[in-house]
Amino acid sequence: MIHVTVLKNQNGKYIGFNCIGHAGFADAGKDIVCAGVSSLVINTVNSISVLTKERFDMDTDEICGRISLRFCGPCGHDAGLLMESMILGLQGIKKQYGSGYITLDFKEV
């Protein structure tokens, strides 16, 4: 199962996210849930990097399927909008394929 945790500060500003796991919807290379989540998450990271001035740290581990992103401070409007877009896409995947393959949680830190 893929677990996505979106991190916000006490003011509701995004400060990052953690995405870990494999969906297990189908065999490796044919898992459209994993592919969809990976595409959304990686595109969000790339878009934040190229289209905004936000500074962030990122950590990945291909074996366990982990991508973690932490903004160096609360993110601004543009990065926040890109985070909202990622969340919207993840919610769509969860609605389509069910919570047996992906969880999406929000955590205040």
PDB file of N, CA and C in Angstrom:
ATOM      1  N   MET A   1       0.834  -1.173   0.000  1.00  0.00           N
ATOM      2  CA  MET A   1       0.000   0.000   0.000  1.00  0.00           C
ATOM      3  C   MET A   1       0.884   1.243   0.000  1.00  0.00           C
ATOM      4  N   ILE A   2       0.417   2.275  -0.676  1.00  0.00           N
ATOM      5  CA  ILE A   2       1.125   3.558  -0.689  1.00  0.00           C
ATOM      6  C   ILE A   2       0.530   4.431   0.405  1.00  0.00           C
ATOM      7  N   HIS A   3       1.397   5.011   1.215  1.00  0.00           N
ATOM      8  CA  HIS A   3       0.980   5.926   2.277  1.00  0.00           C
ATOM      9  C   HIS A   3       1.528   7.310   1.960  1.00  0.00           C
ATOM     10  N   VAL A   4       0.628   8.275   1.814  1.00  0.00           N
ATOM     11  CA  VAL A   4       1.037   9.658   1.574  1.00  0.00           C
ATOM     12  C   VAL A   4       0.590  10.471   2.780  1.00  0.00           C
ATOM     13  N   THR A   5       1.544  11.187   3.366  1.00  0.00           N
ATOM     14  CA  THR A   5       1.245  12.078   4.480  1.00  0.00           C
ATOM     15  C   THR A   5       1.666  13.480   4.072  1.00  0.00           C
ATOM     16  N   VAL A   6       0.689  14.379   4.058  1.00  0.00           N
ATOM     17  CA  VAL A   6       0.943  15.776   3.729  1.00  0.00           C
ATOM     18  C   VAL A   6       1.139  16.517   5.046  1.00  0.00           C
ATOM     19  N   LEU A   7       2.226  17.277   5.113  1.00  0.00           N
ATOM     20  CA  LEU A   7       2.596  17.957   6.346  1.00  0.00           C
ATOM     21  C   LEU A   7       2.285  19.447   6.257  1.00  0.00           C
ATOM     22  N   LYS A   8       1.616  19.955   7.302  1.00  0.00           N
ATOM     23  CA  LYS A   8       1.287  21.375   7.389  1.00  0.00           C
ATOM     24  C   LYS A   8       1.744  21.904   8.736  1.00  0.00           C
ATOM     25  N   ASN A   9       1.983  23.209   8.791  1.00  0.00           N
ATOM     26  CA  ASN A   9       2.293  23.809  10.084  1.00  0.00           C
ATOM     27  C   ASN A   9       0.998  24.221  10.778  1.00  0.00           C
ATOM     28  N   GLN A  10       1.108  24.826  11.947  1.00  0.00           N
ATOM     29  CA  GLN A  10      -0.086  25.192  12.723  1.00  0.00           C
ATOM     30  C   GLN A  10      -0.917  26.276  12.048  1.00  0.00           C
ATOM     31  N   ASN A  11      -0.341  26.978  11.081  1.00  0.00           N
ATOM     32  CA  ASN A  11      -1.074  27.999  10.330  1.00  0.00           C
ATOM     33  C   ASN A  11      -1.694  27.444   9.049  1.00  0.00           C
ATOM     34  N   GLY A  12      -1.587  26.132   8.842  1.00  0.00           N
ATOM     35  CA  GLY A  12      -2.170  25.497   7.669  1.00  0.00           C
ATOM     36  C   GLY A  12      -1.335  25.594   6.408  1.00  0.00           C
ATOM     37  N   LYS A  13      -0.094  26.059   6.512  1.00  0.00           N
ATOM     38  CA  LYS A  13       0.796  26.155   5.353  1.00  0.00           C
ATOM     39  C   LYS A  13       1.512  24.823   5.143  1.00  0.00           C
ATOM     40  N   TYR A  14       1.646  24.438   3.897  1.00  0.00           N
ATOM     41  CA  TYR A  14       2.351  23.200   3.580  1.00  0.00           C
ATOM     42  C   TYR A  14       3.824  23.323   3.937  1.00  0.00           C
ATOM     43  N   ILE A  15       4.345  22.273   4.558  1.00  0.00           N
ATOM     44  CA  ILE A  15       5.775  22.234   4.847  1.00  0.00           C
ATOM     45  C   ILE A  15       6.434  21.002   4.223  1.00  0.00           C
ATOM     46  N   GLY A  16       5.639  20.139   3.586  1.00  0.00           N
ATOM     47  CA  GLY A  16       6.215  19.002   2.895  1.00  0.00           C
ATOM     48  C   GLY A  16       5.270  17.825   2.805  1.00  0.00           C
ATOM     49  N   PHE A  17       5.827  16.687   2.400  1.00  0.00           N
ATOM     50  CA  PHE A  17       5.049  15.451   2.335  1.00  0.00           C
ATOM     51  C   PHE A  17       5.980  14.255   2.376  1.00  0.00           C
ATOM     52  N   ASN A  18       5.411  13.119   2.748  1.00  0.00           N
ATOM     53  CA  ASN A  18       6.070  11.820   2.700  1.00  0.00           C
ATOM     54  C   ASN A  18       5.204  10.901   1.856  1.00  0.00           C
ATOM     55  N   CYS A  19       5.822  10.177   0.962  1.00  0.00           N
ATOM     56  CA  CYS A  19       5.130   9.179   0.159  1.00  0.00           C
ATOM     57  C   CYS A  19       5.974   7.922   0.220  1.00  0.00           C
ATOM     58  N   ILE A  20       5.382   6.814   0.659  1.00  0.00           N
ATOM     59  CA  ILE A  20       6.151   5.582   0.796  1.00  0.00           C
ATOM     60  C   ILE A  20       5.283   4.371   0.475  1.00  0.00           C
ATOM     61  N   GLY A  21       5.900   3.388  -0.138  1.00  0.00           N
ATOM     62  CA  GLY A  21       5.236   2.113  -0.372  1.00  0.00           C
ATOM     63  C   GLY A  21       4.951   1.838  -1.835  1.00  0.00           C
ATOM     64  N   HIS A  22       4.377   0.681  -2.041  1.00  0.00           N
ATOM     65  CA  HIS A  22       3.972   0.239  -3.368  1.00  0.00           C
ATOM     66  C   HIS A  22       2.506  -0.179  -3.274  1.00  0.00           C
ATOM     67  N   ALA A  23       1.735   0.147  -4.287  1.00  0.00           N
ATOM     68  CA  ALA A  23       0.289  -0.074  -4.234  1.00  0.00           C
ATOM     69  C   ALA A  23      -0.082  -1.554  -4.150  1.00  0.00           C
ATOM     70  N   GLY A  24       0.585  -2.390  -4.903  1.00  0.00           N
ATOM     71  CA  GLY A  24       0.215  -3.801  -4.930  1.00  0.00           C
ATOM     72  C   GLY A  24      -1.047  -4.066  -5.736  1.00  0.00           C
ATOM     73  N   PHE A  25      -1.398  -3.136  -6.617  1.00  0.00           N
ATOM     74  CA  PHE A  25      -2.581  -3.296  -7.463  1.00  0.00           C
ATOM     75  C   PHE A  25      -2.358  -4.357  -8.528  1.00  0.00           C
ATOM     76  N   ALA A  26      -1.124  -4.409  -9.037  1.00  0.00           N
ATOM     77  CA  ALA A  26      -0.761  -5.373 -10.082  1.00  0.00           C
ATOM     78  C   ALA A  26       0.734  -5.663  -9.969  1.00  0.00           C
ATOM     79  N   ASP A  27       1.215  -6.576 -10.801  1.00  0.00           N
ATOM     80  CA  ASP A  27       2.641  -6.897 -10.802  1.00  0.00           C
ATOM     81  C   ASP A  27       3.470  -5.664 -11.144  1.00  0.00           C
ATOM     82  N   ALA A  28       4.720  -5.669 -10.685  1.00  0.00           N
ATOM     83  CA  ALA A  28       5.640  -4.574 -10.998  1.00  0.00           C
ATOM     84  C   ALA A  28       5.695  -4.364 -12.501  1.00  0.00           C
ATOM     85  N   GLY A  29       5.670  -3.115 -12.906  1.00  0.00           N
ATOM     86  CA  GLY A  29       5.677  -2.778 -14.324  1.00  0.00           C
ATOM     87  C   GLY A  29       4.295  -2.690 -14.935  1.00  0.00           C
ATOM     88  N   LYS A  30       3.286  -3.192 -14.212  1.00  0.00           N
ATOM     89  CA  LYS A  30       1.909  -3.149 -14.709  1.00  0.00           C
ATOM     90  C   LYS A  30       0.963  -2.498 -13.706  1.00  0.00           C
ATOM     91  N   ASP A  31       1.528  -1.962 -12.638  1.00  0.00           N
ATOM     92  CA  ASP A  31       0.722  -1.397 -11.552  1.00  0.00           C
ATOM     93  C   ASP A  31       0.371   0.051 -11.869  1.00  0.00           C
ATOM     94  N   ILE A  32      -0.844   0.274 -12.384  1.00  0.00           N
ATOM     95  CA  ILE A  32      -1.242   1.616 -12.794  1.00  0.00           C
ATOM     96  C   ILE A  32      -1.473   2.542 -11.606  1.00  0.00           C
ATOM     97  N   VAL A  33      -1.782   2.007 -10.443  1.00  0.00           N
ATOM     98  CA  VAL A  33      -1.936   2.849  -9.257  1.00  0.00           C
ATOM     99  C   VAL A  33      -0.572   3.403  -8.853  1.00  0.00           C
ATOM    100  N   CYS A  34       0.429   2.548  -8.790  1.00  0.00           N
ATOM    101  CA  CYS A  34       1.799   2.999  -8.478  1.00  0.00           C
ATOM    102  C   CYS A  34       2.271   4.007  -9.521  1.00  0.00           C
ATOM    103  N   ALA A  35       2.034   3.717 -10.771  1.00  0.00           N
ATOM    104  CA  ALA A  35       2.471   4.610 -11.845  1.00  0.00           C
ATOM    105  C   ALA A  35       1.792   5.971 -11.731  1.00  0.00           C
ATOM    106  N   GLY A  36       0.511   5.977 -11.439  1.00  0.00           N
ATOM    107  CA  GLY A  36      -0.217   7.238 -11.308  1.00  0.00           C
ATOM    108  C   GLY A  36       0.279   8.067 -10.139  1.00  0.00           C
ATOM    109  N   VAL A  37       0.451   7.424  -8.995  1.00  0.00           N
ATOM    110  CA  VAL A  37       0.935   8.134  -7.810  1.00  0.00           C
ATOM    111  C   VAL A  37       2.353   8.640  -8.054  1.00  0.00           C
ATOM    112  N   SER A  38       3.204   7.800  -8.593  1.00  0.00           N
ATOM    113  CA  SER A  38       4.586   8.203  -8.869  1.00  0.00           C
ATOM    114  C   SER A  38       4.631   9.398  -9.816  1.00  0.00           C
ATOM    115  N   SER A  39       3.824   9.359 -10.856  1.00  0.00           N
ATOM    116  CA  SER A  39       3.794  10.469 -11.814  1.00  0.00           C
ATOM    117  C   SER A  39       3.364  11.766 -11.149  1.00  0.00           C
ATOM    118  N   LEU A  40       2.321  11.704 -10.342  1.00  0.00           N
ATOM    119  CA  LEU A  40       1.857  12.918  -9.658  1.00  0.00           C
ATOM    120  C   LEU A  40       2.914  13.468  -8.711  1.00  0.00           C
ATOM    121  N   VAL A  41       3.498  12.606  -7.913  1.00  0.00           N
ATOM    122  CA  VAL A  41       4.462  13.043  -6.904  1.00  0.00           C
ATOM    123  C   VAL A  41       5.732  13.581  -7.562  1.00  0.00           C
ATOM    124  N   ILE A  42       6.274  12.850  -8.520  1.00  0.00           N
ATOM    125  CA  ILE A  42       7.506  13.288  -9.171  1.00  0.00           C
ATOM    126  C   ILE A  42       7.273  14.564  -9.970  1.00  0.00           C
ATOM    127  N   ASN A  43       6.144  14.671 -10.648  1.00  0.00           N
ATOM    128  CA  ASN A  43       5.840  15.888 -11.391  1.00  0.00           C
ATOM    129  C   ASN A  43       5.688  17.079 -10.449  1.00  0.00           C
ATOM    130  N   THR A  44       5.120  16.866  -9.287  1.00  0.00           N
ATOM    131  CA  THR A  44       4.988  17.948  -8.312  1.00  0.00           C
ATOM    132  C   THR A  44       6.359  18.427  -7.854  1.00  0.00           C
ATOM    133  N   VAL A  45       7.235  17.506  -7.516  1.00  0.00           N
ATOM    134  CA  VAL A  45       8.594  17.870  -7.104  1.00  0.00           C
ATOM    135  C   VAL A  45       9.294  18.633  -8.224  1.00  0.00           C
ATOM    136  N   ASN A  46       9.225  18.118  -9.442  1.00  0.00           N
ATOM    137  CA  ASN A  46       9.878  18.777 -10.573  1.00  0.00           C
ATOM    138  C   ASN A  46       9.280  20.156 -10.840  1.00  0.00           C
ATOM    139  N   SER A  47       7.971  20.270 -10.745  1.00  0.00           N
ATOM    140  CA  SER A  47       7.310  21.554 -10.983  1.00  0.00           C
ATOM    141  C   SER A  47       7.686  22.582  -9.927  1.00  0.00           C
ATOM    142  N   ILE A  48       7.731  22.160  -8.673  1.00  0.00           N
ATOM    143  CA  ILE A  48       8.142  23.081  -7.607  1.00  0.00           C
ATOM    144  C   ILE A  48       9.573  23.540  -7.851  1.00  0.00           C
ATOM    145  N   SER A  49      10.430  22.626  -8.264  1.00  0.00           N
ATOM    146  CA  SER A  49      11.835  22.946  -8.511  1.00  0.00           C
ATOM    147  C   SER A  49      12.010  23.934  -9.664  1.00  0.00           C
ATOM    148  N   VAL A  50      11.279  23.733 -10.753  1.00  0.00           N
ATOM    149  CA  VAL A  50      11.467  24.531 -11.962  1.00  0.00           C
ATOM    150  C   VAL A  50      10.612  25.798 -11.972  1.00  0.00           C
ATOM    151  N   LEU A  51       9.389  25.710 -11.465  1.00  0.00           N
ATOM    152  CA  LEU A  51       8.436  26.808 -11.637  1.00  0.00           C
ATOM    153  C   LEU A  51       8.328  27.748 -10.443  1.00  0.00           C
ATOM    154  N   THR A  52       8.963  27.417  -9.337  1.00  0.00           N
ATOM    155  CA  THR A  52       8.900  28.289  -8.162  1.00  0.00           C
ATOM    156  C   THR A  52      10.320  28.572  -7.666  1.00  0.00           C
ATOM    157  N   LYS A  53      10.405  29.462  -6.707  1.00  0.00           N
ATOM    158  CA  LYS A  53      11.694  29.782  -6.089  1.00  0.00           C
ATOM    159  C   LYS A  53      11.831  29.115  -4.728  1.00  0.00           C
ATOM    160  N   GLU A  54      10.942  28.170  -4.432  1.00  0.00           N
ATOM    161  CA  GLU A  54      10.969  27.490  -3.135  1.00  0.00           C
ATOM    162  C   GLU A  54      12.241  26.675  -2.977  1.00  0.00           C
ATOM    163  N   ARG A  55      12.788  26.716  -1.796  1.00  0.00           N
ATOM    164  CA  ARG A  55      13.916  25.855  -1.449  1.00  0.00           C
ATOM    165  C   ARG A  55      13.364  24.679  -0.656  1.00  0.00           C
ATOM    166  N   PHE A  56      13.893  23.499  -0.942  1.00  0.00           N
ATOM    167  CA  PHE A  56      13.428  22.310  -0.239  1.00  0.00           C
ATOM    168  C   PHE A  56      14.521  21.262  -0.218  1.00  0.00           C
ATOM    169  N   ASP A  57      14.357  20.313   0.687  1.00  0.00           N
ATOM    170  CA  ASP A  57      15.216  19.132   0.754  1.00  0.00           C
ATOM    171  C   ASP A  57      14.363  17.934   0.366  1.00  0.00           C
ATOM    172  N   MET A  58      14.981  16.992  -0.315  1.00  0.00           N
ATOM    173  CA  MET A  58      14.254  15.815  -0.745  1.00  0.00           C
ATOM    174  C   MET A  58      15.090  14.575  -0.465  1.00  0.00           C
ATOM    175  N   ASP A  59      14.407  13.500  -0.128  1.00  0.00           N
ATOM    176  CA  ASP A  59      15.066  12.221   0.130  1.00  0.00           C
ATOM    177  C   ASP A  59      14.269  11.144  -0.599  1.00  0.00           C
ATOM    178  N   THR A  60      14.971  10.219  -1.252  1.00  0.00           N
ATOM    179  CA  THR A  60      14.290   9.141  -1.969  1.00  0.00           C
ATOM    180  C   THR A  60      14.945   7.800  -1.661  1.00  0.00           C
ATOM    181  N   ASP A  61      14.156   6.756  -1.814  1.00  0.00           N
ATOM    182  CA  ASP A  61      14.642   5.387  -1.695  1.00  0.00           C
ATOM    183  C   ASP A  61      13.789   4.538  -2.635  1.00  0.00           C
ATOM    184  N   GLU A  62      14.362   4.151  -3.771  1.00  0.00           N
ATOM    185  CA  GLU A  62      13.610   3.404  -4.785  1.00  0.00           C
ATOM    186  C   GLU A  62      13.168   2.036  -4.296  1.00  0.00           C
ATOM    187  N   ILE A  63      13.944   1.405  -3.426  1.00  0.00           N
ATOM    188  CA  ILE A  63      13.613   0.049  -2.991  1.00  0.00           C
ATOM    189  C   ILE A  63      12.308   0.029  -2.208  1.00  0.00           C
ATOM    190  N   CYS A  64      12.168   0.943  -1.249  1.00  0.00           N
ATOM    191  CA  CYS A  64      10.934   0.952  -0.454  1.00  0.00           C
ATOM    192  C   CYS A  64       9.898   1.899  -1.048  1.00  0.00           C
ATOM    193  N   GLY A  65      10.252   2.597  -2.124  1.00  0.00           N
ATOM    194  CA  GLY A  65       9.300   3.486  -2.779  1.00  0.00           C
ATOM    195  C   GLY A  65       9.038   4.756  -1.998  1.00  0.00           C
ATOM    196  N   ARG A  66      10.099   5.386  -1.468  1.00  0.00           N
ATOM    197  CA  ARG A  66       9.908   6.575  -0.636  1.00  0.00           C
ATOM    198  C   ARG A  66      10.380   7.835  -1.352  1.00  0.00           C
ATOM    199  N   ILE A  67       9.537   8.860  -1.288  1.00  0.00           N
ATOM    200  CA  ILE A  67       9.906  10.217  -1.683  1.00  0.00           C
ATOM    201  C   ILE A  67       9.427  11.124  -0.563  1.00  0.00           C
ATOM    202  N   SER A  68      10.360  11.860   0.018  1.00  0.00           N
ATOM    203  CA  SER A  68      10.031  12.809   1.077  1.00  0.00           C
ATOM    204  C   SER A  68      10.525  14.177   0.665  1.00  0.00           C
ATOM    205  N   LEU A  69       9.682  15.181   0.818  1.00  0.00           N
ATOM    206  CA  LEU A  69      10.042  16.548   0.500  1.00  0.00           C
ATOM    207  C   LEU A  69       9.747  17.414   1.712  1.00  0.00           C
ATOM    208  N   ARG A  70      10.700  18.300   2.063  1.00  0.00           N
ATOM    209  CA  ARG A  70      10.509  19.260   3.151  1.00  0.00           C
ATOM    210  C   ARG A  70      10.915  20.628   2.635  1.00  0.00           C
ATOM    211  N   PHE A  71       9.982  21.562   2.694  1.00  0.00           N
ATOM    212  CA  PHE A  71      10.312  22.937   2.354  1.00  0.00           C
ATOM    213  C   PHE A  71      11.219  23.510   3.434  1.00  0.00           C
ATOM    214  N   CYS A  72      12.076  24.444   3.045  1.00  0.00           N
ATOM    215  CA  CYS A  72      12.988  25.068   4.007  1.00  0.00           C
ATOM    216  C   CYS A  72      12.257  26.073   4.897  1.00  0.00           C
ATOM    217  N   GLY A  73      11.029  26.336   4.601  1.00  0.00           N
ATOM    218  CA  GLY A  73      10.127  27.185   5.388  1.00  0.00           C
ATOM    219  C   GLY A  73       8.730  26.937   4.864  1.00  0.00           C
ATOM    220  N   PRO A  74       7.723  27.548   5.456  1.00  0.00           N
ATOM    221  CA  PRO A  74       6.374  27.363   4.905  1.00  0.00           C
ATOM    222  C   PRO A  74       6.363  27.787   3.440  1.00  0.00           C
ATOM    223  N   CYS A  75       5.733  26.998   2.601  1.00  0.00           N
ATOM    224  CA  CYS A  75       5.789  27.290   1.168  1.00  0.00           C
ATOM    225  C   CYS A  75       4.897  28.467   0.806  1.00  0.00           C
ATOM    226  N   GLY A  76       5.255  29.096  -0.297  1.00  0.00           N
ATOM    227  CA  GLY A  76       4.497  30.228  -0.802  1.00  0.00           C
ATOM    228  C   GLY A  76       3.304  29.793  -1.641  1.00  0.00           C
ATOM    229  N   HIS A  77       2.670  30.779  -2.254  1.00  0.00           N
ATOM    230  CA  HIS A  77       1.439  30.554  -3.016  1.00  0.00           C
ATOM    231  C   HIS A  77       1.614  29.541  -4.144  1.00  0.00           C
ATOM    232  N   ASP A  78       2.629  29.731  -4.982  1.00  0.00           N
ATOM    233  CA  ASP A  78       2.787  28.872  -6.155  1.00  0.00           C
ATOM    234  C   ASP A  78       3.057  27.420  -5.776  1.00  0.00           C
ATOM    235  N   ALA A  79       3.966  27.200  -4.843  1.00  0.00           N
ATOM    236  CA  ALA A  79       4.245  25.831  -4.394  1.00  0.00           C
ATOM    237  C   ALA A  79       3.020  25.246  -3.702  1.00  0.00           C
ATOM    238  N   GLY A  80       2.286  26.083  -2.964  1.00  0.00           N
ATOM    239  CA  GLY A  80       1.057  25.620  -2.317  1.00  0.00           C
ATOM    240  C   GLY A  80       0.028  25.165  -3.339  1.00  0.00           C
ATOM    241  N   LEU A  81      -0.081  25.900  -4.424  1.00  0.00           N
ATOM    242  CA  LEU A  81      -1.013  25.514  -5.495  1.00  0.00           C
ATOM    243  C   LEU A  81      -0.599  24.199  -6.138  1.00  0.00           C
ATOM    244  N   LEU A  82       0.697  24.004  -6.333  1.00  0.00           N
ATOM    245  CA  LEU A  82       1.179  22.733  -6.879  1.00  0.00           C
ATOM    246  C   LEU A  82       0.924  21.586  -5.905  1.00  0.00           C
ATOM    247  N   MET A  83       1.058  21.840  -4.615  1.00  0.00           N
ATOM    248  CA  MET A  83       0.731  20.815  -3.612  1.00  0.00           C
ATOM    249  C   MET A  83      -0.757  20.477  -3.670  1.00  0.00           C
ATOM    250  N   GLU A  84      -1.606  21.497  -3.790  1.00  0.00           N
ATOM    251  CA  GLU A  84      -3.054  21.267  -3.894  1.00  0.00           C
ATOM    252  C   GLU A  84      -3.382  20.417  -5.119  1.00  0.00           C
ATOM    253  N   SER A  85      -2.698  20.671  -6.216  1.00  0.00           N
ATOM    254  CA  SER A  85      -2.911  19.900  -7.438  1.00  0.00           C
ATOM    255  C   SER A  85      -2.528  18.437  -7.228  1.00  0.00           C
ATOM    256  N   MET A  86      -1.392  18.212  -6.568  1.00  0.00           N
ATOM    257  CA  MET A  86      -0.970  16.834  -6.282  1.00  0.00           C
ATOM    258  C   MET A  86      -2.014  16.137  -5.407  1.00  0.00           C
ATOM    259  N   ILE A  87      -2.476  16.823  -4.384  1.00  0.00           N
ATOM    260  CA  ILE A  87      -3.473  16.250  -3.472  1.00  0.00           C
ATOM    261  C   ILE A  87      -4.754  15.914  -4.221  1.00  0.00           C
ATOM    262  N   LEU A  88      -5.198  16.804  -5.090  1.00  0.00           N
ATOM    263  CA  LEU A  88      -6.407  16.561  -5.881  1.00  0.00           C
ATOM    264  C   LEU A  88      -6.252  15.290  -6.722  1.00  0.00           C
ATOM    265  N   GLY A  89      -5.097  15.139  -7.355  1.00  0.00           N
ATOM    266  CA  GLY A  89      -4.841  13.937  -8.152  1.00  0.00           C
ATOM    267  C   GLY A  89      -4.799  12.678  -7.308  1.00  0.00           C
ATOM    268  N   LEU A  90      -4.154  12.752  -6.140  1.00  0.00           N
ATOM    269  CA  LEU A  90      -4.093  11.589  -5.250  1.00  0.00           C
ATOM    270  C   LEU A  90      -5.471  11.214  -4.732  1.00  0.00           C
ATOM    271  N   GLN A  91      -6.287  12.217  -4.423  1.00  0.00           N
ATOM    272  CA  GLN A  91      -7.657  11.936  -3.978  1.00  0.00           C
ATOM    273  C   GLN A  91      -8.459  11.254  -5.088  1.00  0.00           C
ATOM    274  N   GLY A  92      -8.222  11.652  -6.320  1.00  0.00           N
ATOM    275  CA  GLY A  92      -8.895  11.017  -7.455  1.00  0.00           C
ATOM    276  C   GLY A  92      -8.493   9.557  -7.605  1.00  0.00           C
ATOM    277  N   ILE A  93      -7.226   9.265  -7.451  1.00  0.00           N
ATOM    278  CA  ILE A  93      -6.764   7.873  -7.524  1.00  0.00           C
ATOM    279  C   ILE A  93      -7.367   7.062  -6.389  1.00  0.00           C
ATOM    280  N   LYS A  94      -7.370   7.621  -5.196  1.00  0.00           N
ATOM    281  CA  LYS A  94      -7.943   6.915  -4.044  1.00  0.00           C
ATOM    282  C   LYS A  94      -9.431   6.645  -4.261  1.00  0.00           C
ATOM    283  N   LYS A  95     -10.143   7.620  -4.787  1.00  0.00           N
ATOM    284  CA  LYS A  95     -11.577   7.444  -5.051  1.00  0.00           C
ATOM    285  C   LYS A  95     -11.814   6.369  -6.109  1.00  0.00           C
ATOM    286  N   GLN A  96     -10.986   6.372  -7.144  1.00  0.00           N
ATOM    287  CA  GLN A  96     -11.152   5.419  -8.247  1.00  0.00           C
ATOM    288  C   GLN A  96     -10.782   3.989  -7.855  1.00  0.00           C
ATOM    289  N   TYR A  97      -9.683   3.828  -7.112  1.00  0.00           N
ATOM    290  CA  TYR A  97      -9.152   2.488  -6.851  1.00  0.00           C
ATOM    291  C   TYR A  97      -9.330   2.018  -5.414  1.00  0.00           C
ATOM    292  N   GLY A  98      -9.711   2.904  -4.523  1.00  0.00           N
ATOM    293  CA  GLY A  98     -10.016   2.502  -3.158  1.00  0.00           C
ATOM    294  C   GLY A  98      -8.860   2.662  -2.191  1.00  0.00           C
ATOM    295  N   SER A  99      -9.211   2.684  -0.921  1.00  0.00           N
ATOM    296  CA  SER A  99      -8.218   2.908   0.136  1.00  0.00           C
ATOM    297  C   SER A  99      -7.411   1.654   0.448  1.00  0.00           C
ATOM    298  N   GLY A 100      -7.623   0.572  -0.279  1.00  0.00           N
ATOM    299  CA  GLY A 100      -6.805  -0.623  -0.111  1.00  0.00           C
ATOM    300  C   GLY A 100      -5.453  -0.505  -0.800  1.00  0.00           C
ATOM    301  N   TYR A 101      -5.293   0.552  -1.626  1.00  0.00           N
ATOM    302  CA  TYR A 101      -4.056   0.730  -2.370  1.00  0.00           C
ATOM    303  C   TYR A 101      -3.312   2.011  -2.010  1.00  0.00           C
ATOM    304  N   ILE A 102      -4.044   3.005  -1.506  1.00  0.00           N
ATOM    305  CA  ILE A 102      -3.431   4.289  -1.169  1.00  0.00           C
ATOM    306  C   ILE A 102      -4.156   4.920   0.006  1.00  0.00           C
ATOM    307  N   THR A 103      -3.363   5.454   0.937  1.00  0.00           N
ATOM    308  CA  THR A 103      -3.929   6.267   2.015  1.00  0.00           C
ATOM    309  C   THR A 103      -3.379   7.678   1.854  1.00  0.00           C
ATOM    310  N   LEU A 104      -4.186   8.649   2.211  1.00  0.00           N
ATOM    311  CA  LEU A 104      -3.787  10.053   2.142  1.00  0.00           C
ATOM    312  C   LEU A 104      -4.179  10.695   3.453  1.00  0.00           C
ATOM    313  N   ASP A 105      -3.161  11.101   4.203  1.00  0.00           N
ATOM    314  CA  ASP A 105      -3.375  11.706   5.517  1.00  0.00           C
ATOM    315  C   ASP A 105      -2.755  13.081   5.571  1.00  0.00           C
ATOM    316  N   PHE A 106      -3.250  13.885   6.491  1.00  0.00           N
ATOM    317  CA  PHE A 106      -2.710  15.226   6.724  1.00  0.00           C
ATOM    318  C   PHE A 106      -2.272  15.299   8.169  1.00  0.00           C
ATOM    319  N   LYS A 107      -1.087  15.875   8.380  1.00  0.00           N
ATOM    320  CA  LYS A 107      -0.527  15.916   9.721  1.00  0.00           C
ATOM    321  C   LYS A 107       0.003  17.313  10.004  1.00  0.00           C
ATOM    322  N   GLU A 108      -0.354  17.832  11.179  1.00  0.00           N
ATOM    323  CA  GLU A 108       0.189  19.110  11.612  1.00  0.00           C
ATOM    324  C   GLU A 108       1.471  18.860  12.386  1.00  0.00           C
ATOM    325  N   VAL A 109       2.547  19.512  11.966  1.00  0.00           N
ATOM    326  CA  VAL A 109       3.830  19.355  12.647  1.00  0.00           C
ATOM    327  C   VAL A 109       4.426  20.704  12.995  1.00  0.00           C
TER     328      VAL A 109
END
